């Protein structure tokens, strides 16, 4: 993640970028499903982010959405001022 702060690209949270970081799950090359992946679309069985990490990611997404909402509201106010 940029700056290692857990916010992901543009503050949108984890798993929102190109998947180029060091924390991306690297699957073995070759055909078939490797052991331990039990048909789970490539995600290992039994792995899940800790609740605190997920809460942090969700809070980051909420903050990002709040900033986007404020930007859009500011744009509307600007358009109203200029008669747009």
N, C-alpha and C. Protein backbone atom coordinates (compact mmCIF):
# COMPACT_ATOMS: atom_id res chain seq x y z
N UNK A 1 0.84 -1.18 0.00
CA UNK A 1 0.00 0.00 0.00
C UNK A 1 0.89 1.24 0.00
N UNK A 2 0.42 2.27 -0.65
CA UNK A 2 1.19 3.51 -0.64
C UNK A 2 1.41 3.98 0.78
N UNK A 3 2.62 4.33 1.09
CA UNK A 3 3.01 4.82 2.42
C UNK A 3 2.73 3.81 3.53
N UNK A 4 2.31 2.61 3.21
CA UNK A 4 2.10 1.56 4.20
C UNK A 4 1.06 1.88 5.26
N UNK A 5 0.11 2.76 4.96
CA UNK A 5 -0.86 3.17 5.96
C UNK A 5 -2.19 2.42 5.87
N UNK A 6 -2.30 1.46 4.98
CA UNK A 6 -3.51 0.64 4.91
C UNK A 6 -4.68 1.27 4.18
N UNK A 7 -4.47 2.45 3.58
CA UNK A 7 -5.60 3.10 2.92
C UNK A 7 -5.71 2.74 1.45
N UNK A 8 -4.70 2.17 0.88
CA UNK A 8 -4.75 1.81 -0.53
C UNK A 8 -4.66 3.02 -1.43
N UNK A 9 -4.79 2.81 -2.74
CA UNK A 9 -4.69 3.93 -3.68
C UNK A 9 -5.82 4.94 -3.46
N UNK A 10 -5.48 6.18 -3.44
CA UNK A 10 -6.45 7.27 -3.29
C UNK A 10 -7.31 7.14 -2.05
N UNK A 11 -6.82 6.44 -1.02
CA UNK A 11 -7.56 6.30 0.22
C UNK A 11 -8.78 5.42 0.14
N UNK A 12 -8.84 4.56 -0.85
CA UNK A 12 -10.04 3.75 -1.06
C UNK A 12 -9.98 2.38 -0.41
N UNK A 13 -8.99 2.10 0.38
CA UNK A 13 -8.92 0.83 1.10
C UNK A 13 -8.16 -0.24 0.35
N UNK A 14 -7.95 -1.38 1.00
CA UNK A 14 -7.17 -2.45 0.40
C UNK A 14 -7.89 -3.11 -0.77
N UNK A 15 -7.11 -3.74 -1.62
CA UNK A 15 -7.60 -4.50 -2.77
C UNK A 15 -8.35 -3.63 -3.78
N UNK A 16 -7.97 -2.34 -3.85
CA UNK A 16 -8.61 -1.46 -4.83
C UNK A 16 -7.64 -1.04 -5.92
N UNK A 17 -6.41 -1.47 -5.83
CA UNK A 17 -5.41 -1.08 -6.83
C UNK A 17 -5.21 -2.15 -7.89
N UNK A 18 -3.98 -2.18 -8.43
CA UNK A 18 -3.67 -3.11 -9.51
C UNK A 18 -3.19 -4.47 -9.00
N UNK A 19 -3.11 -4.66 -7.70
CA UNK A 19 -2.64 -5.94 -7.16
C UNK A 19 -1.15 -6.13 -7.33
N UNK A 20 -0.38 -5.06 -7.31
CA UNK A 20 1.05 -5.13 -7.55
C UNK A 20 1.87 -5.13 -6.25
N UNK A 21 1.22 -4.97 -5.12
CA UNK A 21 1.94 -4.86 -3.84
C UNK A 21 2.46 -6.20 -3.34
N UNK A 22 3.26 -6.12 -2.29
CA UNK A 22 3.86 -7.33 -1.73
C UNK A 22 2.85 -8.19 -0.96
N UNK A 23 1.69 -7.64 -0.61
CA UNK A 23 0.73 -8.41 0.18
C UNK A 23 -0.27 -9.17 -0.70
N UNK A 24 -0.12 -9.09 -1.99
CA UNK A 24 -1.03 -9.80 -2.90
C UNK A 24 -0.73 -11.29 -2.83
N UNK A 25 -1.78 -12.09 -2.78
CA UNK A 25 -1.64 -13.53 -2.73
C UNK A 25 -1.06 -14.04 -4.04
N UNK A 26 0.07 -14.69 -3.99
CA UNK A 26 0.70 -15.24 -5.18
C UNK A 26 0.35 -16.73 -5.29
N UNK A 27 -0.36 -17.09 -6.32
CA UNK A 27 -0.73 -18.48 -6.54
C UNK A 27 0.33 -19.17 -7.37
N UNK A 28 0.55 -20.45 -7.13
CA UNK A 28 1.53 -21.16 -7.94
C UNK A 28 1.09 -21.23 -9.39
N UNK A 29 2.07 -21.19 -10.29
CA UNK A 29 1.75 -21.26 -11.71
C UNK A 29 1.44 -22.70 -12.08
N UNK A 30 0.71 -22.87 -13.15
CA UNK A 30 0.38 -24.21 -13.62
C UNK A 30 -1.11 -24.45 -13.57
N UNK A 31 -1.52 -25.56 -14.10
CA UNK A 31 -2.94 -25.86 -14.15
C UNK A 31 -3.48 -26.42 -12.85
N UNK A 32 -4.77 -26.46 -12.77
CA UNK A 32 -5.41 -27.05 -11.60
C UNK A 32 -5.44 -26.13 -10.40
N UNK A 33 -6.05 -26.61 -9.36
CA UNK A 33 -6.15 -25.85 -8.13
C UNK A 33 -5.16 -26.41 -7.13
N UNK A 34 -4.31 -25.58 -6.56
CA UNK A 34 -3.33 -26.09 -5.60
C UNK A 34 -4.01 -26.59 -4.33
N UNK A 35 -3.33 -27.43 -3.58
CA UNK A 35 -3.88 -27.96 -2.33
C UNK A 35 -4.21 -26.83 -1.38
N UNK A 36 -5.34 -26.97 -0.67
CA UNK A 36 -5.73 -25.97 0.30
C UNK A 36 -6.61 -24.88 -0.26
N UNK A 37 -6.93 -24.98 -1.55
CA UNK A 37 -7.73 -23.92 -2.16
C UNK A 37 -9.16 -24.37 -2.45
N UNK A 38 -9.50 -25.59 -2.27
CA UNK A 38 -10.84 -26.17 -2.24
C UNK A 38 -11.91 -25.46 -3.05
N UNK A 39 -11.59 -25.06 -4.27
CA UNK A 39 -12.60 -24.46 -5.14
C UNK A 39 -13.13 -23.13 -4.65
N UNK A 40 -12.31 -22.36 -3.98
CA UNK A 40 -12.76 -21.09 -3.42
C UNK A 40 -12.33 -19.91 -4.29
N UNK A 41 -12.34 -20.07 -5.58
CA UNK A 41 -12.00 -19.01 -6.53
C UNK A 41 -10.62 -18.43 -6.26
N UNK A 42 -9.70 -19.28 -5.85
CA UNK A 42 -8.33 -18.82 -5.67
C UNK A 42 -7.98 -18.36 -4.27
N UNK A 43 -8.94 -18.26 -3.38
CA UNK A 43 -8.63 -17.82 -2.01
C UNK A 43 -8.41 -19.05 -1.14
N UNK A 44 -7.36 -19.04 -0.34
CA UNK A 44 -7.10 -20.19 0.53
C UNK A 44 -8.25 -20.43 1.50
N UNK A 45 -8.46 -21.67 1.83
CA UNK A 45 -9.52 -22.03 2.77
C UNK A 45 -9.16 -21.53 4.16
N UNK A 46 -10.11 -20.93 4.84
CA UNK A 46 -9.92 -20.55 6.22
C UNK A 46 -9.16 -19.26 6.45
N UNK A 47 -8.81 -18.54 5.41
CA UNK A 47 -8.11 -17.27 5.63
C UNK A 47 -9.10 -16.13 5.55
N UNK A 48 -8.95 -15.21 6.44
CA UNK A 48 -9.81 -14.04 6.48
C UNK A 48 -9.06 -12.96 7.23
N UNK A 49 -9.28 -11.74 6.83
CA UNK A 49 -8.64 -10.63 7.52
C UNK A 49 -9.17 -10.56 8.95
N UNK A 50 -8.30 -10.23 9.91
CA UNK A 50 -8.79 -10.05 11.28
C UNK A 50 -9.85 -8.94 11.32
N UNK A 51 -10.77 -9.03 12.27
CA UNK A 51 -11.87 -8.07 12.35
C UNK A 51 -11.35 -6.65 12.44
N UNK A 52 -10.31 -6.41 13.23
CA UNK A 52 -9.78 -5.05 13.37
C UNK A 52 -9.28 -4.51 12.04
N UNK A 53 -8.65 -5.37 11.25
CA UNK A 53 -8.15 -4.95 9.94
C UNK A 53 -9.32 -4.63 9.00
N UNK A 54 -10.34 -5.47 9.03
CA UNK A 54 -11.50 -5.23 8.18
C UNK A 54 -12.23 -3.95 8.59
N UNK A 55 -12.35 -3.73 9.89
CA UNK A 55 -12.98 -2.50 10.38
C UNK A 55 -12.21 -1.29 9.91
N UNK A 56 -10.88 -1.36 9.98
CA UNK A 56 -10.04 -0.26 9.50
C UNK A 56 -10.24 0.00 8.02
N UNK A 57 -10.32 -1.08 7.25
CA UNK A 57 -10.52 -0.94 5.81
C UNK A 57 -11.88 -0.31 5.51
N UNK A 58 -12.90 -0.75 6.23
CA UNK A 58 -14.24 -0.19 6.02
C UNK A 58 -14.28 1.28 6.40
N UNK A 59 -13.63 1.62 7.51
CA UNK A 59 -13.57 3.03 7.91
C UNK A 59 -12.86 3.87 6.86
N UNK A 60 -11.80 3.31 6.27
CA UNK A 60 -11.11 4.02 5.20
C UNK A 60 -12.01 4.25 4.00
N UNK A 61 -12.82 3.25 3.66
CA UNK A 61 -13.75 3.40 2.54
C UNK A 61 -14.82 4.45 2.87
N UNK A 62 -15.29 4.46 4.11
CA UNK A 62 -16.29 5.45 4.53
C UNK A 62 -15.70 6.85 4.42
N UNK A 63 -14.46 7.03 4.90
CA UNK A 63 -13.80 8.34 4.81
C UNK A 63 -13.65 8.78 3.36
N UNK A 64 -13.26 7.84 2.50
CA UNK A 64 -13.10 8.17 1.08
C UNK A 64 -14.43 8.58 0.46
N UNK A 65 -15.48 7.84 0.78
CA UNK A 65 -16.81 8.19 0.25
C UNK A 65 -17.28 9.54 0.77
N UNK A 66 -16.98 9.83 2.04
CA UNK A 66 -17.37 11.13 2.61
C UNK A 66 -16.66 12.26 1.88
N UNK A 67 -15.37 12.07 1.57
CA UNK A 67 -14.63 13.10 0.82
C UNK A 67 -15.20 13.26 -0.59
N UNK A 68 -15.54 12.16 -1.23
CA UNK A 68 -16.13 12.23 -2.57
C UNK A 68 -17.47 12.95 -2.53
N UNK A 69 -18.28 12.66 -1.52
CA UNK A 69 -19.57 13.32 -1.37
C UNK A 69 -19.39 14.82 -1.19
N UNK A 70 -18.46 15.21 -0.34
CA UNK A 70 -18.20 16.64 -0.12
C UNK A 70 -17.72 17.31 -1.41
N UNK A 71 -16.85 16.64 -2.16
CA UNK A 71 -16.38 17.19 -3.44
C UNK A 71 -17.55 17.40 -4.41
N UNK A 72 -18.45 16.42 -4.47
CA UNK A 72 -19.60 16.54 -5.37
C UNK A 72 -20.54 17.65 -4.92
N UNK A 73 -20.75 17.76 -3.61
CA UNK A 73 -21.60 18.83 -3.10
C UNK A 73 -20.99 20.20 -3.37
N UNK A 74 -19.67 20.30 -3.24
CA UNK A 74 -18.98 21.56 -3.54
C UNK A 74 -19.12 21.89 -5.02
N UNK A 75 -19.04 20.89 -5.86
CA UNK A 75 -19.20 21.11 -7.31
C UNK A 75 -20.60 21.63 -7.62
N UNK A 76 -21.61 21.05 -6.99
CA UNK A 76 -22.99 21.53 -7.19
C UNK A 76 -23.12 22.97 -6.74
N UNK A 77 -22.56 23.30 -5.56
CA UNK A 77 -22.62 24.68 -5.07
C UNK A 77 -21.96 25.63 -6.06
N UNK A 78 -20.82 25.22 -6.61
CA UNK A 78 -20.11 26.05 -7.58
C UNK A 78 -20.92 26.27 -8.85
N UNK A 79 -21.56 25.22 -9.32
CA UNK A 79 -22.38 25.34 -10.52
C UNK A 79 -23.58 26.25 -10.28
N UNK A 80 -24.17 26.17 -9.10
CA UNK A 80 -25.31 27.04 -8.78
C UNK A 80 -24.89 28.50 -8.74
N UNK A 81 -23.68 28.76 -8.20
CA UNK A 81 -23.19 30.14 -8.11
C UNK A 81 -22.95 30.75 -9.49
N UNK A 82 -22.50 29.91 -10.42
CA UNK A 82 -22.17 30.42 -11.76
C UNK A 82 -23.36 30.34 -12.71
N UNK A 83 -24.48 29.86 -12.23
CA UNK A 83 -25.67 29.77 -13.08
C UNK A 83 -25.69 28.55 -13.95
N UNK A 84 -24.87 27.54 -13.63
CA UNK A 84 -24.79 26.33 -14.44
C UNK A 84 -25.87 25.42 -14.12
